[in-house]
Amino acid sequence: MPQIIVKGVTEAEVKSLAMDTCKTLGQIVDCPSDWFVFDYIQSKFFDEIGEIKHWPVVQVWWFARPQEVQDAVATTLNDYFKQLGYPGSQISFHIFDYPAYYEEGEHF
């Protein structure tokens, strides 16, 4: 936790994203870098014509953070994908409510 779900890119790109950004993200969020978990989801995108090339789609699941922290995380992730040659990315943040989040059967 936080969990970062990534699709629209390769497995190798998600692996390098995790290895290259965990430390930076931990500093931004002020938590240990090993709290970040990256989940690669293999996917294909289609429109009315058929399969299309897509940009990275990222979902960040976490407890609410201040706007400036969220902005910095989004910038870090987007900048990483730009370095890989993508023109941009779609990043969304999804907030867990403490009483609705359980770890080892116990809610926070």
Protein backbone atom coordinates (compact mmCIF):
# COMPACT_ATOMS: atom_id res chain seq x y z
CA MET A 1 0.00 0.00 0.00
CA PRO A 2 -0.10 2.30 -1.97
CA GLN A 3 -0.95 0.01 -4.85
CA ILE A 4 -0.18 1.24 -8.35
CA ILE A 5 -2.01 -0.63 -11.11
CA VAL A 6 -0.59 -0.13 -14.61
CA LYS A 7 -1.91 -1.20 -17.99
CA GLY A 8 -1.28 -0.18 -21.59
CA VAL A 9 2.48 -0.80 -21.34
CA THR A 10 4.76 -3.82 -21.22
CA GLU A 11 5.56 -5.94 -18.19
CA ALA A 12 9.22 -4.90 -18.48
CA GLU A 13 8.21 -1.22 -18.38
CA VAL A 14 6.20 -1.73 -15.19
CA LYS A 15 9.09 -3.61 -13.62
CA SER A 16 11.51 -0.79 -14.47
CA LEU A 17 8.97 1.79 -13.28
CA ALA A 18 8.79 0.08 -9.90
CA MET A 19 12.55 -0.29 -9.58
CA ASP A 20 13.27 3.29 -10.68
CA THR A 21 10.54 5.21 -8.83
CA CYS A 22 9.87 3.51 -5.48
CA LYS A 23 12.50 5.50 -3.63
CA THR A 24 11.34 8.82 -5.11
CA LEU A 25 7.68 8.02 -4.46
CA GLY A 26 8.49 7.07 -0.87
CA GLN A 27 10.16 10.44 -0.36
CA ILE A 28 7.22 12.29 -1.88
CA VAL A 29 4.62 10.41 0.16
CA ASP A 30 6.83 10.23 3.28
CA CYS A 31 6.58 6.48 3.68
CA PRO A 32 8.95 3.53 3.22
CA SER A 33 9.62 2.76 -0.43
CA ASP A 34 8.72 -0.90 0.11
CA TRP A 35 5.14 0.09 0.85
CA PHE A 36 4.60 0.66 -2.88
CA VAL A 37 3.29 -2.28 -4.87
CA PHE A 38 3.07 -2.16 -8.66
CA ASP A 39 0.53 -4.38 -10.37
CA TYR A 40 0.99 -5.04 -14.09
CA ILE A 41 -2.22 -5.79 -15.96
CA GLN A 42 -1.81 -7.03 -19.50
CA SER A 43 -4.50 -5.42 -21.60
CA LYS A 44 -5.49 -4.47 -25.11
CA PHE A 45 -7.46 -1.40 -26.13
CA PHE A 46 -10.11 -1.28 -28.85
CA ASP A 47 -12.28 1.30 -30.55
CA GLU A 48 -14.93 0.89 -33.24
CA ILE A 49 -12.32 -0.06 -35.83
CA GLY A 50 -10.45 -2.61 -33.73
CA GLU A 51 -7.32 -2.79 -31.59
CA ILE A 52 -5.52 0.51 -31.01
CA LYS A 53 -2.20 1.53 -29.51
CA HIS A 54 -2.83 3.23 -26.19
CA TRP A 55 -0.95 5.26 -23.64
CA PRO A 56 -0.21 4.15 -20.07
CA VAL A 57 -3.23 3.95 -17.79
CA VAL A 58 -2.35 4.13 -14.10
CA GLN A 59 -4.58 3.75 -11.06
CA VAL A 60 -3.17 4.66 -7.66
CA TRP A 61 -5.05 3.12 -4.73
CA TRP A 62 -4.17 4.67 -1.37
CA PHE A 63 -5.35 6.61 1.65
CA ALA A 64 -6.04 10.30 1.00
CA ARG A 65 -2.96 12.52 0.75
CA PRO A 66 -2.69 16.31 0.35
CA GLN A 67 -3.21 17.64 -3.19
CA GLU A 68 0.44 18.67 -3.57
CA VAL A 69 1.55 15.10 -2.72
CA GLN A 70 -0.90 13.63 -5.21
CA ASP A 71 0.26 16.13 -7.87
CA ALA A 72 3.92 15.23 -7.27
CA VAL A 73 3.19 11.49 -7.56
CA ALA A 74 1.25 12.05 -10.80
CA THR A 75 4.09 14.17 -12.21
CA THR A 76 6.70 11.56 -11.27
CA LEU A 77 4.74 8.76 -12.95
CA ASN A 78 3.88 10.79 -16.05
CA ASP A 79 7.48 11.99 -16.45
CA TYR A 80 8.71 8.40 -16.26
CA PHE A 81 6.45 7.33 -19.11
CA LYS A 82 7.50 10.34 -21.16
CA GLN A 83 11.13 9.18 -20.76
CA LEU A 84 10.04 5.85 -22.24
CA GLY A 85 8.69 7.66 -25.29
CA TYR A 86 4.98 7.84 -24.48
CA PRO A 87 3.40 11.24 -25.18
CA GLY A 88 1.60 11.13 -21.84
CA SER A 89 -0.41 8.96 -19.51
CA GLN A 90 -3.78 8.72 -17.80
CA ILE A 91 -3.42 8.65 -14.00
CA SER A 92 -6.28 8.40 -11.53
CA PHE A 93 -6.27 8.27 -7.75
CA HIS A 94 -8.67 6.09 -5.77
CA ILE A 95 -9.07 6.67 -2.06
CA PHE A 96 -9.54 3.97 0.56
CA ASP A 97 -11.66 4.80 3.59
CA TYR A 98 -9.84 3.61 6.71
CA PRO A 99 -12.74 1.53 8.10
CA ALA A 100 -13.28 -0.09 4.68
CA TYR A 101 -9.64 -1.19 4.26
CA TYR A 102 -8.54 -4.44 5.90
CA GLU A 103 -5.10 -5.91 6.30
CA GLU A 104 -4.81 -9.39 7.82
CA GLY A 105 -8.51 -9.29 8.69
CA GLU A 106 -8.29 -6.03 10.64
CA HIS A 107 -9.48 -2.62 9.44
CA PHE A 108 -7.38 0.48 9.91
